[in-house]
Amino acid sequence: MATLTLEYDGRNALAKKTIEYILSLGVFKKKEEKAYNPEFVKMVLDADKNGKSRRIDDVDAFMNSL
């Protein structure tokens, strides 16, 4: 399978309609990129549940403790 990346102005009506038409043909599918890594989010939430995280109220004090 090949990947095709298109760059276009999202405010351009003709570009948007062209993309919609290409997708409506059923030959191509749109792949949404997630803004975050779900595995990383799960790891952070698990660490919070297991008490492996800590709250930092004062950044300067934290940096000095390193």
N, C-alpha and C. Protein backbone atom coordinates (compact mmCIF):
# COMPACT_ATOMS: atom_id res chain seq x y z
N MET A 1 0.84 -1.17 0.00
CA MET A 1 0.00 0.00 0.00
C MET A 1 0.89 1.24 0.00
N ALA A 2 0.55 2.22 -0.76
CA ALA A 2 1.29 3.47 -0.84
C ALA A 2 0.55 4.56 -0.07
N THR A 3 1.30 5.55 0.38
CA THR A 3 0.72 6.68 1.10
C THR A 3 0.93 7.93 0.27
N LEU A 4 -0.13 8.71 0.15
CA LEU A 4 -0.10 9.95 -0.60
C LEU A 4 -0.42 11.08 0.37
N THR A 5 0.43 12.08 0.41
CA THR A 5 0.21 13.23 1.28
C THR A 5 -0.07 14.44 0.42
N LEU A 6 -1.18 15.10 0.70
CA LEU A 6 -1.55 16.29 -0.05
C LEU A 6 -1.46 17.51 0.86
N GLU A 7 -0.98 18.59 0.31
CA GLU A 7 -0.92 19.84 1.05
C GLU A 7 -1.74 20.86 0.27
N TYR A 8 -2.72 21.46 0.94
CA TYR A 8 -3.59 22.43 0.26
C TYR A 8 -4.11 23.42 1.28
N ASP A 9 -4.63 24.53 0.77
CA ASP A 9 -5.21 25.56 1.62
C ASP A 9 -6.60 25.09 2.04
N GLY A 10 -6.79 24.89 3.33
CA GLY A 10 -8.05 24.39 3.85
C GLY A 10 -9.21 25.34 3.68
N ARG A 11 -8.93 26.59 3.32
CA ARG A 11 -10.00 27.56 3.10
C ARG A 11 -10.42 27.63 1.63
N ASN A 12 -9.69 26.93 0.76
CA ASN A 12 -9.98 26.94 -0.67
C ASN A 12 -11.14 25.98 -0.95
N ALA A 13 -12.27 26.51 -1.39
CA ALA A 13 -13.47 25.70 -1.62
C ALA A 13 -13.24 24.66 -2.71
N LEU A 14 -12.55 25.04 -3.77
CA LEU A 14 -12.31 24.11 -4.88
C LEU A 14 -11.43 22.94 -4.41
N ALA A 15 -10.42 23.24 -3.62
CA ALA A 15 -9.55 22.17 -3.11
C ALA A 15 -10.34 21.22 -2.21
N LYS A 16 -11.19 21.76 -1.35
CA LYS A 16 -11.99 20.92 -0.46
C LYS A 16 -12.94 20.03 -1.23
N LYS A 17 -13.60 20.60 -2.25
CA LYS A 17 -14.53 19.81 -3.05
C LYS A 17 -13.81 18.74 -3.85
N THR A 18 -12.62 19.05 -4.32
CA THR A 18 -11.83 18.07 -5.06
C THR A 18 -11.45 16.90 -4.17
N ILE A 19 -11.02 17.20 -2.95
CA ILE A 19 -10.68 16.13 -1.99
C ILE A 19 -11.92 15.29 -1.68
N GLU A 20 -13.04 15.94 -1.46
CA GLU A 20 -14.28 15.21 -1.19
C GLU A 20 -14.64 14.30 -2.35
N TYR A 21 -14.48 14.79 -3.57
CA TYR A 21 -14.79 13.99 -4.75
C TYR A 21 -13.87 12.77 -4.84
N ILE A 22 -12.58 12.99 -4.64
CA ILE A 22 -11.61 11.89 -4.72
C ILE A 22 -11.95 10.83 -3.67
N LEU A 23 -12.29 11.27 -2.45
CA LEU A 23 -12.64 10.31 -1.40
C LEU A 23 -13.96 9.60 -1.70
N SER A 24 -14.88 10.28 -2.37
CA SER A 24 -16.18 9.67 -2.67
C SER A 24 -16.08 8.55 -3.70
N LEU A 25 -14.98 8.51 -4.45
CA LEU A 25 -14.81 7.45 -5.45
C LEU A 25 -14.64 6.08 -4.79
N GLY A 26 -14.21 6.07 -3.54
CA GLY A 26 -14.06 4.82 -2.82
C GLY A 26 -12.72 4.13 -3.05
N VAL A 27 -11.88 4.68 -3.87
CA VAL A 27 -10.58 4.09 -4.16
C VAL A 27 -9.58 4.45 -3.07
N PHE A 28 -9.74 5.64 -2.50
CA PHE A 28 -8.84 6.15 -1.48
C PHE A 28 -9.57 6.25 -0.15
N LYS A 29 -8.81 6.24 0.93
CA LYS A 29 -9.40 6.48 2.24
C LYS A 29 -8.58 7.52 2.96
N LYS A 30 -9.21 8.25 3.84
CA LYS A 30 -8.57 9.32 4.58
C LYS A 30 -8.05 8.77 5.90
N LYS A 31 -6.81 9.05 6.20
CA LYS A 31 -6.21 8.60 7.44
C LYS A 31 -6.02 9.81 8.33
N GLU A 32 -6.69 9.80 9.46
CA GLU A 32 -6.59 10.91 10.41
C GLU A 32 -5.39 10.68 11.31
N GLU A 33 -4.58 11.70 11.45
CA GLU A 33 -3.45 11.66 12.35
C GLU A 33 -3.92 12.13 13.73
N LYS A 34 -3.56 11.38 14.74
CA LYS A 34 -3.93 11.78 16.09
C LYS A 34 -2.89 12.75 16.63
N ALA A 35 -3.35 13.67 17.42
CA ALA A 35 -2.46 14.69 17.95
C ALA A 35 -1.62 14.16 19.11
N TYR A 36 -1.92 12.96 19.56
CA TYR A 36 -1.19 12.39 20.68
C TYR A 36 -0.98 10.91 20.45
N ASN A 37 -0.06 10.34 21.17
CA ASN A 37 0.21 8.91 21.09
C ASN A 37 -0.62 8.21 22.16
N PRO A 38 -1.60 7.40 21.78
CA PRO A 38 -2.48 6.75 22.77
C PRO A 38 -1.72 5.88 23.76
N GLU A 39 -0.63 5.25 23.33
CA GLU A 39 0.15 4.41 24.23
C GLU A 39 0.81 5.25 25.33
N PHE A 40 1.29 6.44 24.95
CA PHE A 40 1.91 7.32 25.93
C PHE A 40 0.88 7.80 26.95
N VAL A 41 -0.31 8.15 26.47
CA VAL A 41 -1.38 8.60 27.38
C VAL A 41 -1.73 7.48 28.36
N LYS A 42 -1.82 6.25 27.88
CA LYS A 42 -2.13 5.11 28.74
C LYS A 42 -1.03 4.93 29.79
N MET A 43 0.22 5.07 29.37
CA MET A 43 1.34 4.92 30.29
C MET A 43 1.28 5.99 31.40
N VAL A 44 0.96 7.23 31.03
CA VAL A 44 0.87 8.31 32.00
C VAL A 44 -0.29 8.07 32.97
N LEU A 45 -1.42 7.67 32.45
CA LEU A 45 -2.58 7.41 33.31
C LEU A 45 -2.32 6.24 34.26
N ASP A 46 -1.66 5.19 33.76
CA ASP A 46 -1.31 4.06 34.62
C ASP A 46 -0.35 4.48 35.72
N ALA A 47 0.62 5.32 35.39
CA ALA A 47 1.58 5.80 36.39
C ALA A 47 0.86 6.60 37.47
N ASP A 48 -0.13 7.39 37.06
CA ASP A 48 -0.89 8.18 38.02
C ASP A 48 -1.71 7.27 38.94
N LYS A 49 -2.32 6.23 38.38
CA LYS A 49 -3.11 5.30 39.19
C LYS A 49 -2.24 4.56 40.20
N ASN A 50 -1.01 4.20 39.79
CA ASN A 50 -0.13 3.42 40.64
C ASN A 50 0.70 4.27 41.59
N GLY A 51 0.46 5.57 41.61
CA GLY A 51 1.18 6.45 42.52
C GLY A 51 2.61 6.71 42.12
N LYS A 52 2.95 6.52 40.86
CA LYS A 52 4.32 6.73 40.39
C LYS A 52 4.51 8.13 39.82
N SER A 53 3.63 9.03 40.17
CA SER A 53 3.76 10.41 39.68
C SER A 53 3.73 11.34 40.88
N ARG A 54 4.18 12.57 40.66
CA ARG A 54 4.14 13.55 41.75
C ARG A 54 3.77 14.91 41.19
N ARG A 55 3.19 15.71 42.04
CA ARG A 55 2.77 17.05 41.66
C ARG A 55 3.88 18.03 42.00
N ILE A 56 4.17 18.93 41.07
CA ILE A 56 5.21 19.93 41.28
C ILE A 56 4.53 21.29 41.31
N ASP A 57 4.60 21.94 42.48
CA ASP A 57 3.97 23.24 42.63
C ASP A 57 4.92 24.39 42.32
N ASP A 58 6.21 24.18 42.58
CA ASP A 58 7.19 25.24 42.39
C ASP A 58 8.30 24.72 41.46
N VAL A 59 8.33 25.20 40.25
CA VAL A 59 9.29 24.72 39.26
C VAL A 59 10.72 25.04 39.68
N ASP A 60 10.94 26.20 40.24
CA ASP A 60 12.29 26.58 40.65
C ASP A 60 12.82 25.63 41.72
N ALA A 61 11.98 25.30 42.70
CA ALA A 61 12.40 24.38 43.76
C ALA A 61 12.69 23.00 43.17
N PHE A 62 11.87 22.58 42.24
CA PHE A 62 12.08 21.28 41.59
C PHE A 62 13.41 21.26 40.84
N MET A 63 13.69 22.31 40.08
CA MET A 63 14.93 22.37 39.30
C MET A 63 16.15 22.38 40.23
N ASN A 64 16.05 23.06 41.36
CA ASN A 64 17.16 23.09 42.31
C ASN A 64 17.36 21.72 42.98
N SER A 65 16.31 20.92 43.08
CA SER A 65 16.44 19.60 43.71
C SER A 65 17.10 18.59 42.79
N LEU A 66 17.18 18.90 41.52
CA LEU A 66 17.83 17.97 40.59
C LEU A 66 19.29 18.10 40.74
